[in-house]
Amino acid sequence: MPPLTIAFVDKNGTQFKNAQHLGEFINSNLRKGYILDGIQRLNTLNSAKNEDSFDGSRPLYFSVIIAPSQDKLLYRMITLNNGQRPMTPRHQIEILTQELFDFDDLNIDVQSEKERSEKIVRGAFNLGDISKAYLAFLTHNVHNDNTKIVDEKMDQILVGRILDTDIKGSSIEFNDVLKLIDDLCENKTIKKWLKVNNNLIGFSVGIRNSLRYIQSLPLDQVAESLNLFEQGFSAINASKVNLGKYRRELSREFIDKYEDLSNKDEEELIEYFINMTA
């Protein structure tokens, strides 16, 4: 049987002295591990163990991946599955968004479609929207849904975007983005703005360059700047452009260059947006 692949997130960056030290780490963290490859084999083994002929003493081989963050683990998972067809990159990210991030540590509520069908929590973020924001963050791209491209080709493009992203060189993780969103959502104006899916996607891409700066600002000041964004955006002629596309692009631009653009007045921002959409 081919070896299984299990993975762990170790934010402490443990340096393993020897095989015994590695074994101790695996055994003590086994319940926190992720099965990246071999879930079907494990299910088969679980069924086979009840057979009289089952020999439980035979060795079971597995590979171990230890990543320093959730983002780098997902990057490794996409790499591992590239060229295979176990599930699409978008599906992997949807599943891992729920598995990797502990939303219980946040003040904001996040609900899956299944949970929403049972009971809607007023003001909760949709898990699907968070997943799309994570995909945008990973790819550095706000356009990951394109109905003009067949799904199979789009999946290949997404894998390429993820593999081309310098995840290892980034000091900001999506966990940092979620924590900032959680803090910002204490303000009702900001929360309402972020709950617009296209804003959330643009924010998640642009925030890489402005997270520390926005983190340092009073919430009322951030809320005022988002009102300024909306004033600038409302000047765009809705009949001439794809508003969803431009909302993603302009929200990314606004957050990416937040320190400069948030200090413009309404007319200056409108002119800047017009030049971007010309």
Protein backbone atom coordinates (compact mmCIF):
# COMPACT_ATOMS: atom_id res chain seq x y z
CA MET A 1 0.00 0.00 0.00
CA PRO A 2 1.43 3.45 -0.89
CA PRO A 3 2.38 5.53 2.16
CA LEU A 4 -0.12 7.91 3.70
CA THR A 5 0.70 11.60 3.98
CA ILE A 6 -0.10 13.39 7.22
CA ALA A 7 0.63 17.02 8.03
CA PHE A 8 1.02 19.22 11.08
CA VAL A 9 1.16 22.97 11.67
CA ASP A 10 4.00 23.88 14.04
CA LYS A 11 4.14 27.64 14.54
CA ASN A 12 6.97 27.21 17.06
CA GLY A 13 9.34 26.10 14.29
CA THR A 14 10.57 23.08 16.26
CA GLN A 15 14.05 21.85 15.27
CA PHE A 16 14.08 18.07 15.53
CA LYS A 17 17.25 16.61 17.04
CA ASN A 18 16.68 13.04 15.88
CA ALA A 19 14.07 10.50 14.75
CA GLN A 20 12.97 9.85 18.33
CA HIS A 21 12.30 13.55 18.88
CA LEU A 22 10.25 13.67 15.66
CA GLY A 23 8.31 10.57 16.76
CA GLU A 24 7.47 12.17 20.10
CA PHE A 25 6.19 15.28 18.31
CA ILE A 26 3.99 13.22 15.98
CA ASN A 27 2.52 11.09 18.76
CA SER A 28 1.76 14.06 21.01
CA ASN A 29 0.14 16.06 18.17
CA LEU A 30 -1.57 13.25 16.27
CA ARG A 31 -5.09 14.49 17.01
CA LYS A 32 -4.16 17.89 15.55
CA GLY A 33 -2.81 16.39 12.32
CA TYR A 34 -4.32 16.52 8.83
CA ILE A 35 -4.52 13.64 6.37
CA LEU A 36 -3.36 15.11 3.06
CA ASP A 37 -3.28 11.84 1.15
CA GLY A 38 -4.76 8.45 2.05
CA ILE A 39 -8.16 9.01 3.71
CA GLN A 40 -9.73 6.30 1.53
CA ARG A 41 -6.95 3.85 2.48
CA LEU A 42 -7.51 4.60 6.16
CA ASN A 43 -11.24 4.00 5.82
CA THR A 44 -10.51 0.67 4.12
CA LEU A 45 -8.10 -0.32 6.90
CA ASN A 46 -10.67 0.67 9.50
CA SER A 47 -13.19 -1.69 7.89
CA ALA A 48 -10.63 -4.47 7.38
CA LYS A 49 -9.47 -4.51 11.02
CA ASN A 50 -12.59 -6.46 12.00
CA GLU A 51 -11.75 -9.33 9.61
CA ASP A 52 -10.27 -12.47 11.18
CA SER A 53 -7.46 -12.49 8.63
CA PHE A 54 -6.37 -8.91 9.42
CA ASP A 55 -2.75 -8.72 10.56
CA GLY A 56 -2.39 -5.62 12.74
CA SER A 57 1.32 -6.19 13.26
CA ARG A 58 2.28 -5.32 9.68
CA PRO A 59 4.02 -1.91 9.34
CA LEU A 60 2.12 1.10 8.02
CA TYR A 61 4.23 3.62 6.12
CA PHE A 62 3.53 7.32 5.95
CA SER A 63 5.13 10.60 4.97
CA VAL A 64 5.08 13.57 7.33
CA ILE A 65 4.87 17.24 6.40
CA ILE A 66 5.38 19.86 9.11
CA ALA A 67 4.47 23.39 8.02
CA PRO A 68 5.02 26.61 9.99
CA SER A 69 1.59 28.05 9.08
CA GLN A 70 -1.82 27.17 7.63
CA ASP A 71 -1.08 29.08 4.42
CA LYS A 72 2.12 27.14 3.77
CA LEU A 73 0.34 23.86 4.55
CA LEU A 74 -2.35 24.64 2.00
CA TYR A 75 0.35 25.61 -0.51
CA ARG A 76 1.95 22.19 0.05
CA MET A 77 -1.41 20.43 -0.32
CA ILE A 78 -2.10 22.15 -3.65
CA THR A 79 1.41 21.17 -4.78
CA LEU A 80 0.87 17.58 -3.67
CA ASN A 81 -2.39 17.25 -5.57
CA ASN A 82 -1.34 19.14 -8.68
CA GLY A 83 -1.74 16.90 -11.71
CA GLN A 84 -4.14 14.58 -9.87
CA ARG A 85 -7.91 14.96 -9.78
CA PRO A 86 -8.95 14.30 -6.15
CA MET A 87 -10.85 17.59 -5.89
CA THR A 88 -10.60 21.06 -7.37
CA PRO A 89 -8.38 23.73 -5.76
CA ARG A 90 -11.49 25.75 -4.91
CA HIS A 91 -13.06 22.75 -3.19
CA GLN A 92 -9.86 22.07 -1.24
CA ILE A 93 -9.73 25.66 -0.05
CA GLU A 94 -13.42 25.65 0.91
CA ILE A 95 -12.84 22.57 3.09
CA LEU A 96 -9.58 23.80 4.57
CA THR A 97 -10.98 27.25 5.36
CA GLN A 98 -13.36 25.57 7.80
CA GLU A 99 -10.79 23.06 9.07
CA LEU A 100 -7.70 25.26 9.44
CA PHE A 101 -9.15 28.41 10.99
CA ASP A 102 -10.68 28.49 14.45
CA PHE A 103 -13.58 30.90 14.05
CA ASP A 104 -14.55 30.27 17.69
CA ASP A 105 -11.63 32.52 18.65
CA LEU A 106 -13.22 35.41 16.75
CA ASN A 107 -16.07 37.67 17.80
CA ILE A 108 -17.61 37.58 14.32
CA ASP A 109 -19.89 34.68 13.41
CA VAL A 110 -19.13 32.57 10.34
CA GLN A 111 -21.75 30.16 8.96
CA SER A 112 -21.65 27.50 6.25
CA GLU A 113 -24.58 27.09 3.86
CA LYS A 114 -25.70 24.02 5.81
CA GLU A 115 -25.66 25.93 9.08
CA ARG A 116 -27.55 28.83 7.50
CA SER A 117 -30.23 26.45 6.23
CA GLU A 118 -30.80 25.25 9.79
CA LYS A 119 -30.64 28.62 11.56
CA ILE A 120 -29.47 31.98 10.28
CA VAL A 121 -27.32 34.00 12.66
CA ARG A 122 -28.02 37.66 11.99
CA GLY A 123 -24.91 39.52 10.83
CA ALA A 124 -22.87 36.33 10.30
CA PHE A 125 -20.31 36.08 7.49
CA ASN A 126 -20.88 33.39 4.88
CA LEU A 127 -18.15 30.72 5.00
CA GLY A 128 -18.19 30.65 1.19
CA ASP A 129 -17.32 34.37 1.11
CA ILE A 130 -14.45 33.84 3.56
CA SER A 131 -13.24 30.96 1.38
CA LYS A 132 -13.27 33.18 -1.74
CA ALA A 133 -11.38 35.85 0.19
CA TYR A 134 -8.77 33.26 1.22
CA LEU A 135 -8.38 32.11 -2.38
CA ALA A 136 -7.92 35.75 -3.44
CA PHE A 137 -5.34 36.22 -0.68
CA LEU A 138 -3.41 33.10 -1.77
CA THR A 139 -3.39 34.00 -5.45
CA HIS A 140 -2.92 37.78 -5.07
CA ASN A 141 -5.79 38.01 -7.55
CA VAL A 142 -9.37 39.30 -7.22
CA HIS A 143 -10.63 37.50 -10.35
CA ASN A 144 -10.79 33.78 -9.53
CA ASP A 145 -14.36 33.21 -10.74
CA ASN A 146 -14.72 33.52 -14.48
CA THR A 147 -17.75 31.95 -16.17
CA LYS A 148 -16.16 32.56 -19.59
CA ILE A 149 -13.50 29.92 -18.83
CA VAL A 150 -14.42 26.23 -18.44
CA ASP A 151 -14.00 24.93 -14.89
CA GLU A 152 -11.18 22.50 -15.69
CA LYS A 153 -9.07 25.23 -17.31
CA MET A 154 -9.87 27.69 -14.53
CA ASP A 155 -8.68 25.15 -11.96
CA GLN A 156 -5.37 24.83 -13.82
CA ILE A 157 -5.04 28.61 -13.80
CA LEU A 158 -5.74 28.76 -10.06
CA VAL A 159 -3.11 26.12 -9.32
CA GLY A 160 -0.63 28.12 -11.39
CA ARG A 161 -1.48 31.32 -9.52
CA ILE A 162 -1.04 29.65 -6.14
CA LEU A 163 2.25 28.02 -7.11
CA ASP A 164 3.53 31.32 -8.51
CA THR A 165 2.72 33.17 -5.28
CA ASP A 166 5.66 33.82 -2.98
CA ILE A 167 3.94 32.39 0.13
CA LYS A 168 7.26 31.55 1.78
CA GLY A 169 8.42 35.16 1.49
CA SER A 170 5.27 36.69 2.97
CA SER A 171 5.25 37.76 6.61
CA ILE A 172 1.45 38.11 6.64
CA GLU A 173 -0.81 35.06 6.96
CA PHE A 174 -4.54 34.87 6.34
CA ASN A 175 -4.97 34.33 10.07
CA ASP A 176 -3.65 37.90 10.52
CA VAL A 177 -6.23 39.11 8.00
CA LEU A 178 -9.06 37.33 9.83
CA LYS A 179 -7.99 38.84 13.16
CA LEU A 180 -7.94 42.33 11.62
CA ILE A 181 -11.39 41.77 10.08
CA ASP A 182 -12.61 40.62 13.49
CA ASP A 183 -11.29 43.81 15.14
CA LEU A 184 -12.63 46.08 12.41
CA CYS A 185 -16.10 44.54 12.61
CA GLU A 186 -16.61 46.12 16.03
CA ASN A 187 -17.62 49.13 13.93
CA LYS A 188 -21.00 48.60 12.22
CA THR A 189 -20.10 50.67 9.14
CA ILE A 190 -16.92 48.68 8.50
CA LYS A 191 -18.68 45.36 9.09
CA LYS A 192 -21.44 46.26 6.62
CA TRP A 193 -18.78 47.17 4.03
CA LEU A 194 -16.78 43.96 4.56
CA LYS A 195 -19.90 41.78 4.31
CA VAL A 196 -20.16 42.78 0.65
CA ASN A 197 -18.38 39.83 -0.97
CA ASN A 198 -16.54 41.86 -3.61
CA ASN A 199 -15.27 44.29 -0.97
CA LEU A 200 -14.05 41.40 1.19
CA ILE A 201 -12.18 39.87 -1.76
CA GLY A 202 -10.53 43.18 -2.69
CA PHE A 203 -9.68 43.85 0.96
CA SER A 204 -8.06 40.42 1.39
CA VAL A 205 -5.71 41.01 -1.57
CA GLY A 206 -4.86 44.66 -0.89
CA ILE A 207 -4.32 44.26 2.84
CA ARG A 208 -0.90 42.63 2.43
CA ASN A 209 0.68 46.07 2.02
CA SER A 210 -1.36 48.03 4.55
CA LEU A 211 -2.28 45.66 7.39
CA ARG A 212 0.06 47.17 9.99
CA TYR A 213 -1.00 50.72 9.09
CA ILE A 214 -4.75 50.06 9.22
CA GLN A 215 -4.23 48.09 12.42
CA SER A 216 -2.94 51.25 14.09
CA LEU A 217 -5.90 53.47 13.16
CA PRO A 218 -9.05 54.28 15.18
CA LEU A 219 -12.09 52.42 13.87
CA ASP A 220 -14.02 55.65 13.23
CA GLN A 221 -11.24 56.86 10.95
CA VAL A 222 -11.31 53.61 8.94
CA ALA A 223 -15.11 53.82 8.69
CA GLU A 224 -14.88 57.40 7.35
CA SER A 225 -12.37 56.30 4.71
CA LEU A 226 -14.68 53.50 3.55
CA ASN A 227 -17.50 56.03 3.23
CA LEU A 228 -15.10 58.05 1.07
CA PHE A 229 -14.49 54.93 -1.04
CA GLU A 230 -18.24 54.50 -1.56
CA GLN A 231 -18.60 58.15 -2.58
CA GLY A 232 -15.85 57.69 -5.14
CA PHE A 233 -17.26 54.39 -6.36
CA SER A 234 -20.79 55.79 -6.75
CA ALA A 235 -19.50 58.14 -9.46
CA ILE A 236 -18.88 55.17 -11.78
CA ASN A 237 -21.57 54.79 -14.44
CA ALA A 238 -23.20 51.43 -13.65
CA SER A 239 -24.53 51.03 -17.20
CA LYS A 240 -21.05 51.25 -18.72
CA VAL A 241 -19.06 48.74 -16.63
CA ASN A 242 -19.24 45.47 -14.72
CA LEU A 243 -19.71 46.88 -11.22
CA GLY A 244 -18.75 43.66 -9.44
CA LYS A 245 -15.48 43.45 -11.33
CA TYR A 246 -14.61 47.08 -10.66
CA ARG A 247 -15.65 46.89 -7.00
CA ARG A 248 -13.15 44.04 -6.49
CA GLU A 249 -10.41 45.90 -8.36
CA LEU A 250 -11.00 49.31 -6.79
CA SER A 251 -11.42 48.00 -3.23
CA ARG A 252 -8.13 46.13 -3.68
CA GLU A 253 -6.46 49.31 -4.98
CA PHE A 254 -7.93 51.44 -2.20
CA ILE A 255 -6.80 49.08 0.57
CA ASP A 256 -3.43 48.38 -1.09
CA LYS A 257 -2.63 52.13 -1.26
CA TYR A 258 -4.74 53.01 1.75
CA GLU A 259 -2.40 55.54 3.38
CA ASP A 260 -2.34 57.66 0.22
CA LEU A 261 -5.87 57.18 -1.15
CA SER A 262 -7.71 57.55 2.16
CA ASN A 263 -6.24 61.06 2.49
CA LYS A 264 -7.66 62.27 -0.83
CA ASP A 265 -10.86 64.27 -0.95
CA GLU A 266 -13.93 62.99 -2.81
CA GLU A 267 -13.17 64.72 -6.10
CA GLU A 268 -9.55 63.52 -6.11
CA LEU A 269 -10.62 59.94 -5.43
CA ILE A 270 -13.28 60.06 -8.15
CA GLU A 271 -10.68 61.28 -10.64
CA TYR A 272 -8.31 58.48 -9.53
CA PHE A 273 -11.05 55.85 -9.99
CA ILE A 274 -12.03 57.28 -13.38
CA ASN A 275 -8.43 56.98 -14.57
CA MET A 276 -8.33 53.38 -13.35
CA THR A 277 -11.54 52.43 -15.14
CA ALA A 278 -10.90 54.38 -18.34
